[in-house]
């Protein structure tokens, strides 16, 4: 925990896409330019 508090360790970034942007998210993932996690936001209606 000390390393996190000191800023020596950071969490990977999270990139969020709406489910309607699945194609763009897939392209980003396949391009190998994505760092961290890819998350889809699914909103119920």
C-alpha atoms as a PDB file:
ATOM      1  CA  UNK A   1       0.000   0.000   0.000  1.00  0.00           C
ATOM      2  CA  UNK A   2       2.909   2.340   0.629  1.00  0.00           C
ATOM      3  CA  UNK A   3       3.961   2.118  -3.031  1.00  0.00           C
ATOM      4  CA  UNK A   4       0.469   3.098  -4.186  1.00  0.00           C
ATOM      5  CA  UNK A   5       0.341   6.020  -1.773  1.00  0.00           C
ATOM      6  CA  UNK A   6       3.805   7.144  -2.917  1.00  0.00           C
ATOM      7  CA  UNK A   7       2.687   7.028  -6.558  1.00  0.00           C
ATOM      8  CA  UNK A   8       5.261   4.360  -7.447  1.00  0.00           C
ATOM      9  CA  UNK A   9       2.524   1.948  -8.555  1.00  0.00           C
ATOM     10  CA  UNK A  10      -0.500   3.038 -10.550  1.00  0.00           C
ATOM     11  CA  UNK A  11      -3.572   1.215 -11.790  1.00  0.00           C
ATOM     12  CA  UNK A  12      -3.850   0.664 -15.538  1.00  0.00           C
ATOM     13  CA  UNK A  13      -6.187   3.065 -17.342  1.00  0.00           C
ATOM     14  CA  UNK A  14      -9.762   2.028 -18.079  1.00  0.00           C
ATOM     15  CA  UNK A  15     -11.246   2.932 -21.471  1.00  0.00           C
ATOM     16  CA  UNK A  16     -15.052   2.920 -21.506  1.00  0.00           C
ATOM     17  CA  UNK A  17     -17.227   2.540 -24.597  1.00  0.00           C
ATOM     18  CA  UNK A  18     -20.990   2.447 -25.008  1.00  0.00           C
ATOM     19  CA  UNK A  19     -22.138  -0.905 -26.328  1.00  0.00           C
ATOM     20  CA  UNK A  20     -23.103   0.840 -29.572  1.00  0.00           C
ATOM     21  CA  UNK A  21     -19.381   1.572 -30.060  1.00  0.00           C
ATOM     22  CA  UNK A  22     -18.353  -2.099 -29.980  1.00  0.00           C
ATOM     23  CA  UNK A  23     -16.841  -1.964 -33.462  1.00  0.00           C
ATOM     24  CA  UNK A  24     -14.591   0.981 -32.552  1.00  0.00           C
ATOM     25  CA  UNK A  25     -13.593  -0.708 -29.299  1.00  0.00           C
ATOM     26  CA  UNK A  26     -12.673  -3.872 -31.162  1.00  0.00           C
ATOM     27  CA  UNK A  27     -10.566  -1.903 -33.644  1.00  0.00           C
ATOM     28  CA  UNK A  28      -8.737  -0.203 -30.766  1.00  0.00           C
ATOM     29  CA  UNK A  29      -8.104  -3.538 -29.084  1.00  0.00           C
ATOM     30  CA  UNK A  30      -6.818  -5.115 -32.296  1.00  0.00           C
ATOM     31  CA  UNK A  31      -4.549  -2.126 -33.025  1.00  0.00           C
ATOM     32  CA  UNK A  32      -2.470  -2.940 -29.933  1.00  0.00           C
ATOM     33  CA  UNK A  33      -2.656   0.712 -28.848  1.00  0.00           C
ATOM     34  CA  UNK A  34      -4.903  -0.092 -25.909  1.00  0.00           C
ATOM     35  CA  UNK A  35      -3.323  -0.001 -22.480  1.00  0.00           C
ATOM     36  CA  UNK A  36      -5.223  -1.167 -19.450  1.00  0.00           C
ATOM     37  CA  UNK A  37      -8.788  -2.413 -19.543  1.00  0.00           C
ATOM     38  CA  UNK A  38     -11.598  -2.048 -22.036  1.00  0.00           C
ATOM     39  CA  UNK A  39     -15.085  -1.732 -20.531  1.00  0.00           C
ATOM     40  CA  UNK A  40     -18.505  -1.579 -22.181  1.00  0.00           C
ATOM     41  CA  UNK A  41     -21.154   0.577 -20.525  1.00  0.00           C
ATOM     42  CA  UNK A  42     -24.522  -1.162 -20.859  1.00  0.00           C
ATOM     43  CA  UNK A  43     -27.472   0.992 -19.915  1.00  0.00           C
ATOM     44  CA  UNK A  44     -30.867  -0.560 -19.348  1.00  0.00           C
ATOM     45  CA  UNK A  45     -33.945   1.151 -20.544  1.00  0.00           C
END
